Protein backbone atom coordinates (compact mmCIF):
# COMPACT_ATOMS: atom_id res chain seq x y z
CA MET A 1 -87.23 -177.34 95.68
CA ALA A 2 -88.71 -176.08 98.97
CA THR A 3 -87.04 -173.19 100.77
CA ARG A 4 -87.42 -170.99 103.78
CA ASN A 5 -85.98 -167.48 103.86
CA LYS A 6 -85.99 -166.20 107.46
CA THR A 7 -85.65 -162.44 107.40
CA ILE A 8 -85.83 -159.43 109.70
CA LEU A 9 -87.37 -156.38 107.98
CA THR A 10 -86.73 -153.01 109.65
CA LYS A 11 -88.28 -149.64 108.86
CA ALA A 12 -88.77 -146.24 110.45
CA LEU A 13 -92.11 -145.59 112.16
CA SER A 14 -94.64 -144.29 109.64
CA THR A 15 -96.28 -140.91 109.98
CA ASP A 16 -99.74 -142.51 110.06
CA LEU A 17 -99.11 -144.06 113.49
CA GLN A 18 -102.17 -143.74 115.76
CA LEU A 19 -102.11 -144.25 119.54
CA ASN A 20 -105.16 -144.75 121.77
CA ARG A 21 -103.87 -144.62 125.33
CA GLU A 22 -107.25 -145.42 126.91
CA GLU A 23 -107.70 -148.57 124.82
CA ARG A 24 -103.92 -149.26 124.92
CA THR A 25 -103.83 -149.81 121.17
CA VAL A 26 -101.56 -148.47 118.46
CA GLY A 27 -101.90 -148.72 114.67
CA PHE A 28 -99.19 -148.24 112.06
CA SER A 29 -97.97 -149.38 108.64
CA PHE A 30 -95.11 -151.86 108.88
CA SER A 31 -94.27 -152.81 105.27
CA SER A 32 -94.34 -151.48 101.71
CA LYS A 33 -94.33 -153.25 98.34
CA SER A 34 -92.11 -150.50 96.90
CA ASN A 35 -89.20 -151.58 99.11
CA ILE A 36 -86.64 -153.58 97.12
CA CYS A 37 -83.56 -154.97 98.85
CA GLU A 38 -80.47 -156.90 97.84
CA ARG A 39 -80.25 -160.55 98.92
CA TYR A 40 -77.30 -162.95 99.16
CA SER A 41 -77.46 -166.76 99.15
CA PHE A 42 -74.88 -169.55 99.10
CA SER A 43 -77.57 -172.22 99.55
CA SER A 44 -76.49 -175.59 98.13
CA GLU A 45 -80.15 -176.28 97.30
CA LEU A 46 -80.12 -173.66 94.56
CA PRO A 47 -79.01 -174.70 91.04
CA GLU A 48 -75.28 -175.35 90.72
CA GLY A 49 -73.42 -172.17 89.79
CA ALA A 50 -76.36 -169.94 90.76
CA SER A 51 -75.72 -166.36 91.78
CA PHE A 52 -75.58 -165.47 95.44
CA VAL A 53 -77.07 -162.00 94.84
CA PHE A 54 -80.54 -160.89 93.69
CA ASP A 55 -83.13 -158.16 94.39
CA GLU A 56 -86.23 -159.01 96.44
CA TYR A 57 -89.54 -157.35 97.21
CA LEU A 58 -92.60 -158.66 99.05
CA SER A 59 -96.00 -159.15 97.46
CA HIS A 60 -98.68 -157.27 99.37
CA ASP A 61 -101.57 -159.30 98.00
CA PRO A 62 -103.56 -160.48 101.06
CA ASN A 63 -103.56 -164.03 99.64
CA ALA A 64 -99.75 -164.08 99.68
CA TRP A 65 -99.47 -163.73 103.48
CA ASP A 66 -99.93 -166.44 106.12
CA LEU A 67 -101.39 -164.60 109.15
CA THR A 68 -102.12 -167.72 111.23
CA ARG A 69 -100.21 -166.37 114.22
CA VAL A 70 -102.16 -163.09 114.11
CA ASN A 71 -105.51 -164.90 113.87
CA ASN A 72 -104.54 -167.17 116.79
CA ASN A 73 -103.37 -164.23 118.96
CA THR A 74 -99.82 -165.67 118.99
CA CYS A 75 -98.05 -162.95 116.97
CA PRO A 76 -96.14 -160.89 119.57
CA PHE A 77 -95.19 -157.22 119.52
CA LEU A 78 -91.62 -157.29 120.90
CA LYS A 79 -88.80 -154.97 121.90
CA ASN A 80 -85.88 -155.32 119.45
CA HIS A 81 -86.94 -158.87 118.42
CA THR A 82 -86.03 -160.08 121.94
CA ARG A 83 -87.85 -163.00 123.55
CA GLY A 84 -89.12 -162.06 126.99
CA GLN A 85 -89.35 -158.36 126.00
CA LYS A 86 -93.04 -158.37 125.07
CA ILE A 87 -94.75 -155.02 124.53
CA GLY A 88 -98.07 -156.48 123.45
CA ILE A 89 -99.82 -158.64 120.85
CA ILE A 90 -100.69 -158.01 117.18
CA LYS A 91 -104.49 -158.05 116.97
CA SER A 92 -105.01 -157.48 113.23
CA VAL A 93 -103.11 -157.08 109.95
CA SER A 94 -104.45 -155.78 106.66
CA LEU A 95 -102.77 -155.57 103.24
CA ASP A 96 -104.07 -153.28 100.49
CA GLY A 97 -101.72 -154.35 97.70
CA ASP A 98 -99.16 -151.65 98.47
CA LYS A 99 -98.83 -151.49 102.26
CA GLY A 100 -99.12 -153.69 105.32
CA ILE A 101 -100.97 -152.10 108.28
CA CYS A 102 -101.42 -153.56 111.76
CA ILE A 103 -103.04 -152.81 115.11
CA ALA A 104 -101.24 -153.84 118.31
CA LYS A 105 -102.82 -154.28 121.73
CA LEU A 106 -100.31 -153.10 124.34
CA SER A 107 -99.63 -155.02 127.55
CA LYS A 108 -99.91 -153.51 131.01
CA ASN A 109 -96.19 -153.49 131.76
CA ALA A 110 -93.27 -151.08 131.94
CA LEU A 111 -92.15 -151.77 128.36
CA ALA A 112 -95.57 -150.91 126.94
CA ASP A 113 -95.81 -147.75 129.09
CA GLN A 114 -92.36 -146.65 127.90
CA PHE A 115 -93.34 -147.35 124.28
CA MET A 116 -96.45 -145.14 124.59
CA SER A 117 -94.41 -142.38 126.22
CA ASP A 118 -91.80 -142.57 123.43
CA ILE A 119 -94.56 -142.24 120.82
CA GLU A 120 -95.98 -139.16 122.53
CA ASP A 121 -92.48 -137.68 122.90
CA GLY A 122 -91.59 -138.45 119.29
CA THR A 123 -88.57 -140.53 120.34
CA CYS A 124 -89.58 -143.94 118.99
CA GLY A 125 -86.81 -145.54 116.94
CA GLY A 126 -88.66 -147.62 114.38
CA ILE A 127 -90.70 -150.72 113.57
CA SER A 128 -89.38 -154.11 112.39
CA PHE A 129 -90.94 -157.46 111.62
CA GLY A 130 -89.75 -161.05 111.26
CA TYR A 131 -91.05 -163.31 108.49
CA SER A 132 -90.14 -166.30 106.34
CA VAL A 133 -90.44 -166.63 102.56
CA GLU A 134 -91.83 -169.96 101.38
CA GLU A 135 -91.91 -169.20 97.65
CA TYR A 136 -90.37 -166.79 95.15
CA LYS A 137 -91.45 -165.81 91.63
CA VAL A 138 -88.91 -164.46 89.15
CA VAL A 139 -90.09 -161.06 87.91
CA SER A 140 -86.98 -160.21 85.92
CA PRO A 141 -84.29 -162.86 85.19
CA ALA A 142 -80.59 -162.16 85.55
CA GLU A 143 -78.52 -161.17 82.52
CA TYR A 144 -74.97 -162.41 81.83
CA ASP A 145 -72.04 -161.40 79.70
CA SER A 146 -72.41 -163.06 76.28
CA ASN A 147 -68.64 -163.54 76.00
CA ASP A 148 -68.05 -165.80 79.01
CA GLY A 149 -71.62 -166.79 80.00
CA TYR A 150 -71.08 -166.32 83.74
CA THR A 151 -70.25 -162.65 84.46
CA LEU A 152 -73.41 -161.11 85.94
CA LYS A 153 -74.53 -157.93 84.17
CA LYS A 154 -77.94 -157.49 85.78
CA ARG A 155 -79.32 -159.04 88.98
CA ALA A 156 -82.58 -160.97 88.94
CA VAL A 157 -85.64 -159.45 90.61
CA LEU A 158 -87.63 -161.93 92.75
CA GLU A 159 -91.07 -161.37 94.25
CA ALA A 160 -91.84 -163.22 97.50
CA THR A 161 -95.29 -164.74 96.89
CA LYS A 162 -95.68 -166.88 100.03
CA ILE A 163 -94.81 -165.07 103.27
CA VAL A 164 -95.29 -166.20 106.88
CA LEU A 165 -95.42 -163.42 109.51
CA PHE A 166 -93.78 -164.35 112.85
CA GLU A 167 -93.56 -161.14 114.90
CA ILE A 168 -93.43 -157.34 114.80
CA SER A 169 -91.02 -155.34 116.94
CA SER A 170 -90.25 -151.86 118.16
CA GLU A 171 -86.68 -151.34 116.88
CA ASP A 172 -84.25 -148.82 118.39
CA ILE A 173 -81.96 -148.82 115.35
CA PRO A 174 -83.80 -149.05 111.98
CA ALA A 175 -81.66 -150.52 109.21
CA ASP A 176 -82.35 -147.63 106.81
CA PRO A 177 -84.09 -144.67 108.49
CA THR A 178 -83.40 -142.37 105.50
CA VAL A 179 -85.86 -144.23 103.26
CA GLY A 180 -88.08 -145.72 105.94
CA TYR A 181 -87.41 -149.36 105.14
CA GLY A 182 -84.51 -151.82 105.18
CA LYS A 183 -83.80 -155.53 105.74
CA SER A 184 -81.16 -157.38 107.75
CA LEU A 185 -80.25 -160.66 109.48
CA VAL A 186 -81.00 -162.92 106.60
CA GLU A 187 -80.86 -166.75 106.65
CA LEU A 188 -81.66 -168.80 103.52
CA ASP A 189 -82.53 -172.49 103.73
CA SER A 190 -84.55 -173.61 100.68
CA ILE A 191 -86.64 -171.61 98.21
CA THR A 192 -89.17 -172.59 95.56
CA ILE A 193 -88.13 -170.78 92.39
CA GLU A 194 -90.68 -170.28 89.60
CA GLY A 195 -89.32 -169.43 86.15
CA ASN A 196 -85.69 -168.70 85.36
CA PRO A 197 -83.57 -168.31 88.57
CA ASN A 198 -81.03 -165.53 88.99
CA PHE A 199 -78.27 -167.50 87.25
CA PRO A 200 -78.56 -169.86 84.25
CA ILE A 201 -79.19 -173.44 85.29
CA GLN A 202 -76.48 -175.99 84.61
CA HIS A 203 -77.71 -177.31 81.24
CA GLN A 204 -77.88 -173.75 79.88
CA LYS A 205 -74.29 -173.18 80.90
CA ASN A 206 -73.30 -176.52 79.33
CA MET A 207 -74.89 -175.45 76.04
CA THR A 208 -72.92 -172.22 76.11
CA ASP A 209 -69.70 -174.16 76.82
CA PHE A 210 -70.50 -176.64 74.01
CA LYS A 211 -70.97 -173.88 71.45
CA SER A 212 -67.73 -172.31 72.59
CA LEU A 213 -65.94 -175.65 72.17
CA GLU A 214 -67.40 -176.06 68.68
CA SER A 215 -66.07 -172.68 67.70
CA GLU A 216 -62.65 -173.49 69.10
CA LEU A 217 -62.62 -176.84 67.28
CA ALA A 218 -63.33 -175.13 63.96
CA SER A 219 -60.43 -172.79 64.58
CA VAL A 220 -58.13 -175.73 65.37
CA LYS A 221 -59.17 -177.60 62.20
CA SER A 222 -58.46 -174.53 60.15
CA ALA A 223 -55.09 -174.15 61.80
CA LEU A 224 -54.22 -177.79 61.12
CA SER A 225 -55.20 -177.45 57.48
CA GLU A 226 -52.96 -174.46 57.08
CA ALA A 227 -50.20 -176.23 58.98
CA ASN A 228 -50.12 -179.01 56.34
CA ASN A 229 -49.09 -176.44 53.77
CA LEU A 230 -47.14 -173.87 55.76
CA THR A 231 -44.91 -174.92 58.65
CA ALA A 232 -44.19 -171.32 59.47
CA SER A 233 -47.90 -170.55 59.72
CA LEU A 234 -48.38 -173.50 62.10
CA GLN A 235 -45.61 -172.24 64.36
CA ALA A 236 -47.22 -168.78 64.45
CA LYS A 237 -50.61 -170.24 65.36
CA GLN A 238 -49.02 -172.33 68.12
CA GLU A 239 -47.57 -169.17 69.60
CA ILE A 240 -51.01 -167.55 69.45
CA LEU A 241 -52.58 -170.53 71.28
CA ILE A 242 -49.91 -170.40 73.96
CA SER A 243 -50.54 -166.69 74.45
CA GLU A 244 -54.31 -167.19 74.68
CA ASN A 245 -53.83 -170.05 77.13
CA THR A 246 -51.66 -167.83 79.32
CA LYS A 247 -54.38 -165.15 79.30
CA LEU A 248 -56.99 -167.76 80.18
CA VAL A 249 -54.95 -169.00 83.12
CA GLY A 250 -54.60 -165.40 84.30
CA GLN A 251 -58.35 -164.83 84.01
CA ILE A 252 -59.09 -167.99 85.99
CA LYS A 253 -56.71 -166.88 88.77
CA GLN A 254 -58.36 -163.46 88.78
CA LEU A 255 -61.82 -165.02 89.08
CA GLU A 256 -60.64 -167.25 91.92
CA THR A 257 -59.21 -164.22 93.74
CA THR A 258 -62.48 -162.30 93.24
CA LEU A 259 -64.50 -165.24 94.58
CA GLU A 260 -62.27 -165.49 97.66
CA GLU A 261 -62.61 -161.76 98.30
CA LYS A 262 -66.43 -161.89 97.99
CA THR A 263 -66.59 -164.95 100.23
CA ALA A 264 -64.48 -163.11 102.83
CA LEU A 265 -66.80 -160.07 102.60
CA ILE A 266 -69.88 -162.23 103.15
CA SER A 267 -68.21 -164.02 106.08
CA ASN A 268 -67.24 -160.69 107.67
CA PHE A 269 -70.80 -159.37 107.11
CA GLU A 270 -72.33 -162.40 108.85
CA LYS A 271 -69.84 -162.10 111.75
CA LYS A 272 -70.60 -158.40 112.12
CA GLU A 273 -74.37 -159.08 112.22
CA THR A 274 -73.85 -161.71 114.95
CA VAL A 275 -71.58 -159.41 116.98
CA ALA A 276 -74.05 -156.52 116.63
CA SER A 277 -76.94 -158.65 117.90
CA ARG A 278 -74.98 -159.83 120.99
CA TYR A 279 -73.62 -156.33 121.62
CA TYR A 280 -77.02 -154.59 121.68
CA ASP A 281 -78.50 -157.33 123.91
CA LEU A 282 -75.66 -156.86 126.43
CA ARG A 283 -75.84 -153.06 126.21
CA GLN A 284 -79.59 -153.18 126.89
CA LYS A 285 -78.96 -155.48 129.86
CA ALA A 286 -76.32 -153.08 131.21
CA GLU A 287 -78.68 -150.09 130.79
CA ASP A 288 -81.33 -152.01 132.75
CA LEU A 289 -78.79 -152.64 135.54
CA VAL A 290 -77.91 -148.93 135.61
CA SER A 291 -81.61 -148.00 135.87
CA GLN A 292 -81.91 -150.49 138.76
CA ALA A 293 -78.88 -148.93 140.49
CA LYS A 294 -77.04 -152.25 140.22
CA LEU A 295 -74.38 -150.85 137.84
CA SER A 296 -72.72 -147.44 138.14
CA GLY A 297 -72.30 -145.03 135.27
CA SER A 298 -68.52 -145.32 135.42
CA GLU A 299 -68.72 -149.12 135.21
CA PHE A 300 -71.02 -148.80 132.21
CA SER A 301 -68.52 -146.46 130.50
CA GLU A 302 -65.73 -148.98 131.05
CA LEU A 303 -67.76 -151.66 129.25
CA PHE A 304 -69.36 -149.57 126.48
CA SER A 305 -68.38 -146.42 124.60
CA ALA A 306 -70.74 -143.65 123.52
CA VAL A 307 -70.54 -144.81 119.89
CA PRO A 308 -71.95 -148.36 119.47
CA SER A 309 -70.75 -148.65 115.85
CA GLU A 310 -67.13 -148.24 117.01
CA ASP A 311 -67.61 -150.89 119.71
CA ILE A 312 -69.09 -153.30 117.15
CA ALA A 313 -66.17 -152.74 114.75
CA ILE A 314 -63.66 -153.47 117.55
CA HIS A 315 -65.45 -156.63 118.70
CA THR A 316 -65.78 -157.84 115.08
CA LYS A 317 -62.02 -157.54 114.47
CA SER A 318 -61.03 -158.95 117.86
CA GLN A 319 -59.83 -162.54 117.98
CA VAL A 320 -60.81 -162.69 121.68
CA ASP A 321 -64.45 -163.08 122.78
CA LYS A 322 -64.59 -159.83 124.76
CA LEU A 323 -68.39 -159.86 124.66
CA GLY A 324 -68.24 -163.13 126.61
CA HIS A 325 -66.23 -161.36 129.31
CA ILE A 326 -68.79 -158.53 129.46
CA GLU A 327 -71.66 -161.05 129.70
CA PHE A 328 -69.88 -162.84 132.58
CA HIS A 329 -69.24 -159.51 134.37
CA LEU A 330 -72.88 -158.42 134.10
CA GLY A 331 -73.96 -161.82 135.44
CA LEU A 332 -71.80 -161.32 138.53
CA ILE A 333 -73.28 -157.86 139.08
CA GLU A 334 -76.81 -159.31 139.05
CA LYS A 335 -75.87 -161.99 141.58
CA ARG A 336 -74.07 -159.70 144.01
CA ALA A 337 -77.02 -157.27 144.18
CA LYS A 338 -79.76 -159.76 145.10
CA PRO A 339 -78.92 -160.21 148.86
CA LEU A 340 -78.81 -156.43 149.23
CA ILE A 341 -82.26 -156.03 147.68
CA ASN A 342 -83.72 -158.69 150.00
CA LEU A 343 -82.26 -156.93 153.04
CA GLU A 344 -83.81 -153.62 151.95
CA GLN A 345 -87.17 -155.32 151.69
CA SER A 346 -86.82 -156.75 155.18
CA ILE A 347 -86.21 -153.23 156.55
CA LYS A 348 -89.28 -151.81 154.78
CA GLU A 349 -91.46 -154.61 156.27
CA PRO A 350 -89.71 -155.64 159.55
CA VAL A 351 -90.84 -158.81 161.33
CA VAL A 352 -91.34 -158.13 165.05
CA ASN A 353 -90.32 -160.87 167.49
CA PRO A 354 -93.12 -161.24 170.08
CA GLY A 355 -90.45 -161.72 172.78
CA GLN A 356 -89.07 -158.20 172.22
CA SER A 357 -90.88 -155.14 173.47
CA ASN A 358 -89.29 -152.45 171.22
CA PRO A 359 -89.68 -153.01 167.39
CA LYS A 360 -87.90 -149.66 166.71
CA GLU A 361 -84.66 -151.09 168.11
CA ILE A 362 -84.90 -154.03 165.69
CA GLU A 363 -85.39 -151.69 162.71
CA SER A 364 -82.45 -149.52 163.82
CA HIS A 365 -80.22 -152.58 164.15
CA ALA A 366 -81.17 -153.76 160.65
CA ALA A 367 -80.36 -150.33 159.20
CA GLU A 368 -76.89 -150.41 160.79
CA LEU A 369 -76.31 -153.88 159.35
CA LEU A 370 -77.33 -152.69 155.89
CA LYS A 371 -74.90 -149.76 156.15
CA THR A 372 -72.09 -152.17 157.05
CA LEU A 373 -72.88 -154.45 154.09
CA ASN A 374 -72.88 -151.47 151.69
CA GLN A 375 -69.33 -150.66 152.81
CA SER A 376 -68.21 -154.27 152.37
CA PRO A 377 -65.98 -155.03 149.30
CA ILE A 378 -68.38 -157.84 148.36
CA PHE A 379 -71.16 -155.40 147.52
CA ILE A 380 -69.06 -152.47 146.25
């Protein structure tokens, strides 16, 4: 079974980060084999009844990584995993069995300059990278309750043995800055599983059920034998079976309720991840507009609070797409500012009409027109 596990790995910047401003290069470690994270999967391609939770860590054997994009100079160094926000390019990646280390060549743009300044100031948020897992190997299989055969007692541990690197990013909000590493934004498609997967495969479960049925059948035969001799004993056993059946029905309802609750938790987690991604993109866009003097500080405060986590919680619970309204509002702000910017440029480089003898009068007239437009409700 072939699978792809698209993942974003986030970690705090390592202390071994090295910056060469003259060469515009920076080197740092971006991954560690010691990092183990919890994974969830409802993929229909996995064995029927398989667990949706297991522990994962990445192999740091150089042969386990596909670095085609790095070798072809097509592995970007991005800002917050955002297309169009390129800080530079990843020039080399090395893996020593325990860590992944890379060197990035920084572009000559404002993002790269800001990144270097943040490093020197000690205000860099963290480093993330995006990759896909093509193959897993089971290191430690899952363990289940021997009584029912399906209650998970211990999660499986899977090692990713075929990894494709897509990009590395400067991340403002590391997923787990207290330990240096963390993973988020997971999508599972199909995975090659070697060995015993995290839950018993179907035929193993059937064997468990068959043995349970055999045991129950022996009990029934014994009860019937006793019933031929003692009617009272048969009645007592019937009452016991009814009681056990009632308990079983209750257990099934409890399991169904638990499954619904876990499904709701996963759904809410996925919605929160989506909302968080949209929110930080829009907040970054608004901050750019403020820096360009296209959005005032008071307008920014009306759209975003000082605590992003509270905003994200509100937008996640809201049944109305308020982020869509914010996106539309920011779009209008961009459009209304463009004519004003063009007029400012025309004042800085005025075009003199050869038929007029006094260029200063033209520049003065343009300045008065600009002042009038600034007071117009269209541009306020």
